[in-house]
Amino acid sequence: FDPRTFPSQLFWLAVTFGALYFLMARIALPRIGEVIEERRDRIQRDLDEASRLKAETDAALKAYEQSLADARGKAQGLAKETRDRLAAETDAERHRVEGELNAKLAETEKQIAATKARALASVDEIAASTAADVVSLLTGKGASDDEVRQALAKARAG
């Protein structure tokens, strides 16, 4: 260490430091500041764009969900309408078939009643004829039709 060179070294240190300070303060730092500011602006623009796109996405999603809900409602309405229409058609067909069956049943009951009446009318004649034949075989005498009918009427009454 040579202390005689200290003043010149201090002078050049001050000159170099001053020049370096001037260069940094006037040239390098403003450029770095501009780059930082530009990056900050770009980041802010990107964030703003992301917010805008998110809002658009949310709006599109809401519209999609609304249209989906509308479509579901419409489908349920159509299904209910179809069910109701088919139920009405089925009920109408069932009533028509029941009416036809009731008409056929009534007609059949009339035929059965007529057949029964005819059968019962001929039963009296068959019973009278059979009774006359039985009396004739047992007694050896023939019975008149009036006597046989009176006896049958008396037997039915009593």
N, C-alpha and C. Protein backbone atom coordinates (compact mmCIF):
# COMPACT_ATOMS: atom_id res chain seq x y z
N PHE A 1 0.82 -1.17 0.00
CA PHE A 1 0.00 0.00 0.00
C PHE A 1 0.86 1.24 0.00
N ASP A 2 0.56 2.01 -0.97
CA ASP A 2 1.30 3.27 -1.06
C ASP A 2 0.29 4.38 -0.82
N PRO A 3 0.36 5.04 0.34
CA PRO A 3 -0.62 6.06 0.65
C PRO A 3 -0.51 7.30 -0.24
N ARG A 4 0.53 7.44 -0.98
CA ARG A 4 0.66 8.61 -1.84
C ARG A 4 -0.30 8.53 -3.00
N THR A 5 -0.71 7.36 -3.40
CA THR A 5 -1.61 7.22 -4.54
C THR A 5 -3.08 7.26 -4.14
N PHE A 6 -3.36 7.34 -2.87
CA PHE A 6 -4.75 7.36 -2.42
C PHE A 6 -5.54 8.53 -2.95
N PRO A 7 -4.98 9.76 -2.94
CA PRO A 7 -5.81 10.86 -3.44
C PRO A 7 -6.16 10.70 -4.90
N SER A 8 -5.26 10.25 -5.73
CA SER A 8 -5.59 10.10 -7.14
C SER A 8 -6.58 8.94 -7.31
N GLN A 9 -6.43 7.90 -6.50
CA GLN A 9 -7.38 6.79 -6.59
C GLN A 9 -8.76 7.23 -6.14
N LEU A 10 -8.81 8.05 -5.10
CA LEU A 10 -10.10 8.55 -4.62
C LEU A 10 -10.72 9.46 -5.68
N PHE A 11 -9.88 10.28 -6.33
CA PHE A 11 -10.40 11.14 -7.39
C PHE A 11 -11.02 10.30 -8.49
N TRP A 12 -10.27 9.31 -8.97
CA TRP A 12 -10.80 8.48 -10.07
C TRP A 12 -11.98 7.62 -9.60
N LEU A 13 -11.99 7.26 -8.37
CA LEU A 13 -13.14 6.54 -7.83
C LEU A 13 -14.36 7.43 -7.88
N ALA A 14 -14.21 8.69 -7.47
CA ALA A 14 -15.34 9.62 -7.48
C ALA A 14 -15.78 9.89 -8.90
N VAL A 15 -14.81 10.08 -9.85
CA VAL A 15 -15.17 10.34 -11.25
C VAL A 15 -15.88 9.12 -11.82
N THR A 16 -15.37 7.94 -11.58
CA THR A 16 -15.97 6.71 -12.11
C THR A 16 -17.35 6.50 -11.48
N PHE A 17 -17.44 6.72 -10.17
CA PHE A 17 -18.72 6.56 -9.50
C PHE A 17 -19.72 7.57 -10.03
N GLY A 18 -19.30 8.81 -10.21
CA GLY A 18 -20.18 9.85 -10.75
C GLY A 18 -20.63 9.50 -12.15
N ALA A 19 -19.68 9.06 -13.00
CA ALA A 19 -20.04 8.71 -14.38
C ALA A 19 -20.99 7.51 -14.38
N LEU A 20 -20.67 6.53 -13.56
CA LEU A 20 -21.54 5.36 -13.47
C LEU A 20 -22.92 5.75 -12.95
N TYR A 21 -22.95 6.63 -11.94
CA TYR A 21 -24.23 7.08 -11.40
C TYR A 21 -25.01 7.82 -12.46
N PHE A 22 -24.33 8.71 -13.21
CA PHE A 22 -24.99 9.47 -14.26
C PHE A 22 -25.55 8.53 -15.32
N LEU A 23 -24.73 7.56 -15.79
CA LEU A 23 -25.19 6.60 -16.80
C LEU A 23 -26.38 5.78 -16.29
N MET A 24 -26.30 5.32 -15.06
CA MET A 24 -27.39 4.52 -14.50
C MET A 24 -28.65 5.37 -14.34
N ALA A 25 -28.51 6.59 -13.80
CA ALA A 25 -29.67 7.43 -13.52
C ALA A 25 -30.32 7.94 -14.79
N ARG A 26 -29.53 8.26 -15.81
CA ARG A 26 -30.08 8.87 -17.02
C ARG A 26 -30.38 7.87 -18.13
N ILE A 27 -29.69 6.74 -18.17
CA ILE A 27 -29.86 5.84 -19.32
C ILE A 27 -30.40 4.48 -18.89
N ALA A 28 -29.69 3.77 -18.05
CA ALA A 28 -30.03 2.37 -17.76
C ALA A 28 -31.31 2.26 -16.93
N LEU A 29 -31.40 2.98 -15.84
CA LEU A 29 -32.58 2.87 -14.98
C LEU A 29 -33.87 3.32 -15.67
N PRO A 30 -33.85 4.42 -16.46
CA PRO A 30 -35.10 4.75 -17.15
C PRO A 30 -35.53 3.66 -18.13
N ARG A 31 -34.55 3.04 -18.80
CA ARG A 31 -34.91 1.96 -19.73
C ARG A 31 -35.49 0.77 -18.96
N ILE A 32 -34.87 0.42 -17.85
CA ILE A 32 -35.39 -0.68 -17.03
C ILE A 32 -36.78 -0.32 -16.52
N GLY A 33 -36.98 0.93 -16.10
CA GLY A 33 -38.29 1.38 -15.65
C GLY A 33 -39.33 1.27 -16.75
N GLU A 34 -38.92 1.66 -17.98
CA GLU A 34 -39.85 1.55 -19.10
C GLU A 34 -40.23 0.09 -19.35
N VAL A 35 -39.25 -0.79 -19.28
CA VAL A 35 -39.52 -2.23 -19.50
C VAL A 35 -40.46 -2.74 -18.41
N ILE A 36 -40.19 -2.35 -17.17
CA ILE A 36 -41.05 -2.79 -16.07
C ILE A 36 -42.46 -2.24 -16.25
N GLU A 37 -42.58 -0.97 -16.61
CA GLU A 37 -43.89 -0.35 -16.83
C GLU A 37 -44.62 -1.03 -17.99
N GLU A 38 -43.87 -1.32 -19.05
CA GLU A 38 -44.48 -2.00 -20.20
C GLU A 38 -44.99 -3.38 -19.80
N ARG A 39 -44.20 -4.09 -19.02
CA ARG A 39 -44.63 -5.41 -18.55
C ARG A 39 -45.87 -5.29 -17.66
N ARG A 40 -45.88 -4.31 -16.78
CA ARG A 40 -47.03 -4.08 -15.90
C ARG A 40 -48.27 -3.79 -16.73
N ASP A 41 -48.12 -2.94 -17.75
CA ASP A 41 -49.26 -2.63 -18.63
C ASP A 41 -49.74 -3.87 -19.37
N ARG A 42 -48.80 -4.66 -19.89
CA ARG A 42 -49.17 -5.87 -20.63
C ARG A 42 -49.89 -6.85 -19.70
N ILE A 43 -49.38 -7.00 -18.49
CA ILE A 43 -50.03 -7.90 -17.52
C ILE A 43 -51.44 -7.41 -17.20
N GLN A 44 -51.59 -6.09 -17.02
CA GLN A 44 -52.91 -5.53 -16.73
C GLN A 44 -53.87 -5.76 -17.90
N ARG A 45 -53.36 -5.54 -19.14
CA ARG A 45 -54.20 -5.79 -20.32
C ARG A 45 -54.62 -7.26 -20.39
N ASP A 46 -53.66 -8.14 -20.10
CA ASP A 46 -53.98 -9.57 -20.12
C ASP A 46 -55.02 -9.93 -19.05
N LEU A 47 -54.87 -9.32 -17.86
CA LEU A 47 -55.85 -9.57 -16.80
C LEU A 47 -57.23 -9.04 -17.19
N ASP A 48 -57.24 -7.84 -17.80
CA ASP A 48 -58.52 -7.27 -18.25
C ASP A 48 -59.17 -8.15 -19.32
N GLU A 49 -58.34 -8.63 -20.25
CA GLU A 49 -58.85 -9.51 -21.31
C GLU A 49 -59.37 -10.82 -20.71
N ALA A 50 -58.65 -11.35 -19.72
CA ALA A 50 -59.10 -12.59 -19.06
C ALA A 50 -60.42 -12.36 -18.35
N SER A 51 -60.57 -11.21 -17.70
CA SER A 51 -61.83 -10.90 -17.02
C SER A 51 -62.97 -10.79 -18.02
N ARG A 52 -62.70 -10.12 -19.15
CA ARG A 52 -63.73 -9.97 -20.18
C ARG A 52 -64.14 -11.34 -20.74
N LEU A 53 -63.13 -12.17 -21.02
CA LEU A 53 -63.42 -13.51 -21.55
C LEU A 53 -64.17 -14.37 -20.54
N LYS A 54 -63.81 -14.21 -19.25
CA LYS A 54 -64.53 -14.95 -18.21
C LYS A 54 -65.98 -14.51 -18.16
N ALA A 55 -66.22 -13.20 -18.26
CA ALA A 55 -67.60 -12.70 -18.25
C ALA A 55 -68.37 -13.24 -19.45
N GLU A 56 -67.73 -13.26 -20.63
CA GLU A 56 -68.40 -13.80 -21.82
C GLU A 56 -68.69 -15.29 -21.64
N THR A 57 -67.73 -16.01 -21.06
CA THR A 57 -67.93 -17.45 -20.83
C THR A 57 -69.07 -17.69 -19.85
N ASP A 58 -69.10 -16.88 -18.79
CA ASP A 58 -70.19 -17.02 -17.82
C ASP A 58 -71.53 -16.73 -18.46
N ALA A 59 -71.58 -15.70 -19.30
CA ALA A 59 -72.83 -15.37 -20.00
C ALA A 59 -73.24 -16.49 -20.95
N ALA A 60 -72.27 -17.04 -21.66
CA ALA A 60 -72.58 -18.15 -22.59
C ALA A 60 -73.05 -19.38 -21.81
N LEU A 61 -72.42 -19.65 -20.67
CA LEU A 61 -72.82 -20.79 -19.85
C LEU A 61 -74.23 -20.59 -19.31
N LYS A 62 -74.52 -19.37 -18.87
CA LYS A 62 -75.86 -19.07 -18.36
C LYS A 62 -76.90 -19.23 -19.47
N ALA A 63 -76.59 -18.74 -20.66
CA ALA A 63 -77.51 -18.90 -21.80
C ALA A 63 -77.70 -20.37 -22.14
N TYR A 64 -76.61 -21.13 -22.10
CA TYR A 64 -76.70 -22.57 -22.38
C TYR A 64 -77.59 -23.27 -21.36
N GLU A 65 -77.36 -22.97 -20.07
CA GLU A 65 -78.16 -23.59 -19.03
C GLU A 65 -79.63 -23.20 -19.15
N GLN A 66 -79.89 -21.94 -19.52
CA GLN A 66 -81.27 -21.49 -19.70
C GLN A 66 -81.92 -22.22 -20.86
N SER A 67 -81.21 -22.33 -21.98
CA SER A 67 -81.79 -23.02 -23.13
C SER A 67 -81.97 -24.50 -22.82
N LEU A 68 -81.06 -25.08 -22.04
CA LEU A 68 -81.20 -26.48 -21.64
C LEU A 68 -82.43 -26.65 -20.75
N ALA A 69 -82.63 -25.73 -19.82
CA ALA A 69 -83.81 -25.79 -18.95
C ALA A 69 -85.09 -25.61 -19.78
N ASP A 70 -85.06 -24.68 -20.74
CA ASP A 70 -86.22 -24.50 -21.61
C ASP A 70 -86.51 -25.76 -22.41
N ALA A 71 -85.46 -26.39 -22.92
CA ALA A 71 -85.64 -27.62 -23.71
C ALA A 71 -86.20 -28.74 -22.83
N ARG A 72 -85.70 -28.83 -21.60
CA ARG A 72 -86.23 -29.85 -20.68
C ARG A 72 -87.71 -29.59 -20.40
N GLY A 73 -88.04 -28.35 -20.13
CA GLY A 73 -89.44 -28.00 -19.88
C GLY A 73 -90.33 -28.32 -21.06
N LYS A 74 -89.83 -27.98 -22.25
CA LYS A 74 -90.60 -28.26 -23.46
C LYS A 74 -90.77 -29.77 -23.65
N ALA A 75 -89.70 -30.52 -23.42
CA ALA A 75 -89.77 -31.98 -23.57
C ALA A 75 -90.74 -32.58 -22.55
N GLN A 76 -90.70 -32.08 -21.33
CA GLN A 76 -91.64 -32.58 -20.32
C GLN A 76 -93.07 -32.22 -20.69
N GLY A 77 -93.27 -31.02 -21.22
CA GLY A 77 -94.61 -30.63 -21.67
C GLY A 77 -95.11 -31.52 -22.79
N LEU A 78 -94.22 -31.79 -23.76
CA LEU A 78 -94.61 -32.67 -24.86
C LEU A 78 -94.92 -34.08 -24.36
N ALA A 79 -94.11 -34.56 -23.43
CA ALA A 79 -94.34 -35.90 -22.87
C ALA A 79 -95.67 -35.95 -22.13
N LYS A 80 -95.97 -34.92 -21.35
CA LYS A 80 -97.24 -34.88 -20.62
C LYS A 80 -98.40 -34.80 -21.60
N GLU A 81 -98.25 -33.96 -22.61
CA GLU A 81 -99.30 -33.83 -23.61
C GLU A 81 -99.55 -35.16 -24.31
N THR A 82 -98.47 -35.85 -24.66
CA THR A 82 -98.61 -37.15 -25.33
C THR A 82 -99.24 -38.17 -24.40
N ARG A 83 -98.80 -38.19 -23.13
CA ARG A 83 -99.41 -39.11 -22.16
C ARG A 83 -100.89 -38.83 -22.01
N ASP A 84 -101.25 -37.55 -21.86
CA ASP A 84 -102.65 -37.20 -21.70
C ASP A 84 -103.46 -37.58 -22.93
N ARG A 85 -102.91 -37.32 -24.11
CA ARG A 85 -103.62 -37.65 -25.34
C ARG A 85 -103.82 -39.15 -25.45
N LEU A 86 -102.75 -39.91 -25.18
CA LEU A 86 -102.85 -41.37 -25.25
C LEU A 86 -103.81 -41.91 -24.19
N ALA A 87 -103.80 -41.32 -23.00
CA ALA A 87 -104.74 -41.76 -21.96
C ALA A 87 -106.17 -41.48 -22.40
N ALA A 88 -106.41 -40.32 -23.00
CA ALA A 88 -107.76 -40.00 -23.47
C ALA A 88 -108.18 -40.96 -24.58
N GLU A 89 -107.27 -41.23 -25.51
CA GLU A 89 -107.60 -42.17 -26.59
C GLU A 89 -107.88 -43.56 -26.02
N THR A 90 -107.06 -43.98 -25.06
CA THR A 90 -107.25 -45.30 -24.45
C THR A 90 -108.59 -45.36 -23.72
N ASP A 91 -108.91 -44.30 -22.96
CA ASP A 91 -110.20 -44.27 -22.26
C ASP A 91 -111.36 -44.31 -23.24
N ALA A 92 -111.25 -43.55 -24.31
CA ALA A 92 -112.32 -43.54 -25.31
C ALA A 92 -112.49 -44.92 -25.93
N GLU A 93 -111.39 -45.55 -26.27
CA GLU A 93 -111.45 -46.90 -26.86
C GLU A 93 -112.02 -47.90 -25.85
N ARG A 94 -111.60 -47.78 -24.59
CA ARG A 94 -112.11 -48.67 -23.55
C ARG A 94 -113.61 -48.49 -23.38
N HIS A 95 -114.08 -47.24 -23.35
CA HIS A 95 -115.52 -46.98 -23.23
C HIS A 95 -116.28 -47.53 -24.43
N ARG A 96 -115.69 -47.38 -25.62
CA ARG A 96 -116.35 -47.89 -26.82
C ARG A 96 -116.48 -49.41 -26.74
N VAL A 97 -115.37 -50.07 -26.36
CA VAL A 97 -115.39 -51.54 -26.27
C VAL A 97 -116.34 -51.99 -25.17
N GLU A 98 -116.33 -51.28 -24.03
CA GLU A 98 -117.27 -51.63 -22.96
C GLU A 98 -118.71 -51.48 -23.43
N GLY A 99 -118.97 -50.42 -24.18
CA GLY A 99 -120.32 -50.22 -24.72
C GLY A 99 -120.72 -51.36 -25.64
N GLU A 100 -119.80 -51.74 -26.52
CA GLU A 100 -120.09 -52.86 -27.43
C GLU A 100 -120.33 -54.14 -26.64
N LEU A 101 -119.47 -54.40 -25.65
CA LEU A 101 -119.63 -55.61 -24.85
C LEU A 101 -120.93 -55.59 -24.06
N ASN A 102 -121.28 -54.43 -23.51
CA ASN A 102 -122.54 -54.32 -22.77
C ASN A 102 -123.73 -54.55 -23.70
N ALA A 103 -123.65 -54.02 -24.92
CA ALA A 103 -124.73 -54.23 -25.88
C ALA A 103 -124.83 -55.71 -26.24
N LYS A 104 -123.69 -56.35 -26.49
CA LYS A 104 -123.71 -57.79 -26.80
C LYS A 104 -124.22 -58.59 -25.61
N LEU A 105 -123.81 -58.20 -24.39
CA LEU A 105 -124.27 -58.89 -23.19
C LEU A 105 -125.78 -58.75 -23.03
N ALA A 106 -126.30 -57.55 -23.25
CA ALA A 106 -127.74 -57.34 -23.14
C ALA A 106 -128.48 -58.17 -24.19
N GLU A 107 -127.97 -58.19 -25.40
CA GLU A 107 -128.60 -58.99 -26.47
C GLU A 107 -128.57 -60.47 -26.11
N THR A 108 -127.42 -60.92 -25.60
CA THR A 108 -127.30 -62.33 -25.21
C THR A 108 -128.25 -62.66 -24.07
N GLU A 109 -128.37 -61.74 -23.09
CA GLU A 109 -129.30 -61.97 -21.98
C GLU A 109 -130.73 -62.04 -22.49
N LYS A 110 -131.08 -61.20 -23.47
CA LYS A 110 -132.42 -61.27 -24.06
C LYS A 110 -132.64 -62.62 -24.73
N GLN A 111 -131.62 -63.07 -25.47
CA GLN A 111 -131.75 -64.37 -26.14
C GLN A 111 -131.89 -65.50 -25.12
N ILE A 112 -131.12 -65.42 -24.04
CA ILE A 112 -131.20 -66.45 -23.00
C ILE A 112 -132.58 -66.43 -22.36
N ALA A 113 -133.09 -65.23 -22.07
CA ALA A 113 -134.42 -65.12 -21.46
C ALA A 113 -135.49 -65.68 -22.39
N ALA A 114 -135.38 -65.38 -23.69
CA ALA A 114 -136.36 -65.89 -24.65
C ALA A 114 -136.27 -67.41 -24.74
N THR A 115 -135.05 -67.92 -24.78
CA THR A 115 -134.86 -69.38 -24.84
C THR A 115 -135.40 -70.03 -23.57
N LYS A 116 -135.16 -69.39 -22.43
CA LYS A 116 -135.65 -69.92 -21.16
C LYS A 116 -137.17 -69.92 -21.14
N ALA A 117 -137.76 -68.83 -21.63
CA ALA A 117 -139.23 -68.75 -21.65
C ALA A 117 -139.80 -69.84 -22.55
N ARG A 118 -139.18 -70.03 -23.72
CA ARG A 118 -139.66 -71.09 -24.62
C ARG A 118 -139.49 -72.45 -23.97
N ALA A 119 -138.35 -72.64 -23.30
CA ALA A 119 -138.12 -73.93 -22.65
C ALA A 119 -139.12 -74.17 -21.54
N LEU A 120 -139.39 -73.12 -20.75
CA LEU A 120 -140.36 -73.28 -19.66
C LEU A 120 -141.76 -73.53 -20.21
N ALA A 121 -142.09 -72.90 -21.32
CA ALA A 121 -143.42 -73.13 -21.92
C ALA A 121 -143.54 -74.57 -22.39
N SER A 122 -142.50 -75.09 -22.96
CA SER A 122 -142.58 -76.48 -23.44
C SER A 122 -142.44 -77.47 -22.29
N VAL A 123 -141.89 -77.06 -21.14
CA VAL A 123 -141.78 -77.94 -19.97
C VAL A 123 -143.17 -78.32 -19.48
N ASP A 124 -144.06 -77.33 -19.47
CA ASP A 124 -145.43 -77.62 -19.02
C ASP A 124 -146.07 -78.68 -19.91
N GLU A 125 -145.89 -78.53 -21.20
CA GLU A 125 -146.48 -79.50 -22.14
C GLU A 125 -145.84 -80.87 -21.96
N ILE A 126 -144.48 -80.86 -21.83
CA ILE A 126 -143.78 -82.14 -21.66
C ILE A 126 -144.18 -82.79 -20.35
N ALA A 127 -144.29 -82.00 -19.27
CA ALA A 127 -144.69 -82.53 -17.97
C ALA A 127 -146.11 -83.09 -18.03
N ALA A 128 -146.99 -82.36 -18.69
CA ALA A 128 -148.38 -82.83 -18.80
C ALA A 128 -148.44 -84.12 -19.60
N SER A 129 -147.71 -84.17 -20.70
CA SER A 129 -147.71 -85.38 -21.53
C SER A 129 -147.10 -86.55 -20.78
N THR A 130 -146.00 -86.30 -20.06
CA THR A 130 -145.35 -87.36 -19.30
C THR A 130 -146.25 -87.84 -18.18
N ALA A 131 -146.87 -86.91 -17.47
CA ALA A 131 -147.77 -87.27 -16.37
C ALA A 131 -148.94 -88.09 -16.89
N ALA A 132 -149.49 -87.71 -18.05
CA ALA A 132 -150.61 -88.46 -18.63
C ALA A 132 -150.17 -89.87 -18.98
N ASP A 133 -148.97 -90.00 -19.53
CA ASP A 133 -148.46 -91.33 -19.87
C ASP A 133 -148.22 -92.18 -18.63
N VAL A 134 -147.68 -91.59 -17.56
CA VAL A 134 -147.42 -92.31 -16.31
C VAL A 134 -148.74 -92.78 -15.70
N VAL A 135 -149.74 -91.87 -15.66
CA VAL A 135 -151.05 -92.22 -15.10
C VAL A 135 -151.66 -93.36 -15.91
N SER A 136 -151.53 -93.25 -17.21
CA SER A 136 -152.10 -94.26 -18.10
C SER A 136 -151.42 -95.61 -17.86
N LEU A 137 -150.11 -95.62 -17.68
CA LEU A 137 -149.40 -96.87 -17.45
C LEU A 137 -149.70 -97.45 -16.07
N LEU A 138 -149.82 -96.59 -15.09
CA LEU A 138 -150.04 -97.07 -13.73
C LEU A 138 -151.49 -97.51 -13.49
N THR A 139 -152.40 -96.74 -14.01
CA THR A 139 -153.81 -97.03 -13.74
C THR A 139 -154.47 -97.81 -14.87
N GLY A 140 -153.89 -97.74 -15.97
CA GLY A 140 -154.47 -98.39 -17.13
C GLY A 140 -155.57 -97.56 -17.75
N LYS A 141 -155.88 -96.41 -17.20
CA LYS A 141 -156.88 -95.51 -17.74
C LYS A 141 -156.19 -94.27 -18.24
N GLY A 142 -156.70 -93.66 -19.22
CA GLY A 142 -156.15 -92.42 -19.72
C GLY A 142 -156.73 -91.24 -18.97
N ALA A 143 -155.93 -90.21 -18.74
CA ALA A 143 -156.38 -88.99 -18.07
C ALA A 143 -156.53 -87.91 -19.12
N SER A 144 -157.51 -87.03 -18.92
CA SER A 144 -157.71 -85.95 -19.90
C SER A 144 -156.65 -84.88 -19.69
N ASP A 145 -156.45 -84.09 -20.71
CA ASP A 145 -155.45 -83.01 -20.63
C ASP A 145 -155.81 -82.02 -19.54
N ASP A 146 -157.08 -81.72 -19.37
CA ASP A 146 -157.50 -80.75 -18.35
C ASP A 146 -157.21 -81.29 -16.95
N GLU A 147 -157.45 -82.56 -16.72
CA GLU A 147 -157.20 -83.15 -15.41
C GLU A 147 -155.70 -83.11 -15.09
N VAL A 148 -154.90 -83.44 -16.09
CA VAL A 148 -153.45 -83.44 -15.88
C VAL A 148 -152.96 -82.02 -15.60
N ARG A 149 -153.42 -81.03 -16.32
CA ARG A 149 -152.99 -79.64 -16.11
C ARG A 149 -153.42 -79.14 -14.74
N GLN A 150 -154.61 -79.47 -14.32
CA GLN A 150 -155.08 -79.06 -13.00
C GLN A 150 -154.21 -79.70 -11.91
N ALA A 151 -153.85 -80.96 -12.10
CA ALA A 151 -153.02 -81.65 -11.11
C ALA A 151 -151.62 -81.02 -11.06
N LEU A 152 -151.05 -80.68 -12.22
CA LEU A 152 -149.74 -80.02 -12.25
C LEU A 152 -149.78 -78.64 -11.60
N ALA A 153 -150.84 -77.87 -11.87
CA ALA A 153 -150.98 -76.54 -11.27
C ALA A 153 -151.10 -76.65 -9.77
N LYS A 154 -151.86 -77.67 -9.31
CA LYS A 154 -152.04 -77.88 -7.88
C LYS A 154 -150.71 -78.28 -7.24
N ALA A 155 -149.91 -79.11 -7.96
CA ALA A 155 -148.62 -79.55 -7.43
C ALA A 155 -147.64 -78.37 -7.36
N ARG A 156 -147.67 -77.50 -8.34
CA ARG A 156 -146.78 -76.32 -8.33
C ARG A 156 -147.16 -75.35 -7.22
N ALA A 157 -148.43 -75.20 -6.98
CA ALA A 157 -148.91 -74.25 -5.98
C ALA A 157 -148.63 -74.75 -4.57
N GLY A 158 -148.63 -76.00 -4.41
CA GLY A 158 -148.63 -76.49 -3.06
C GLY A 158 -147.50 -77.20 -2.57
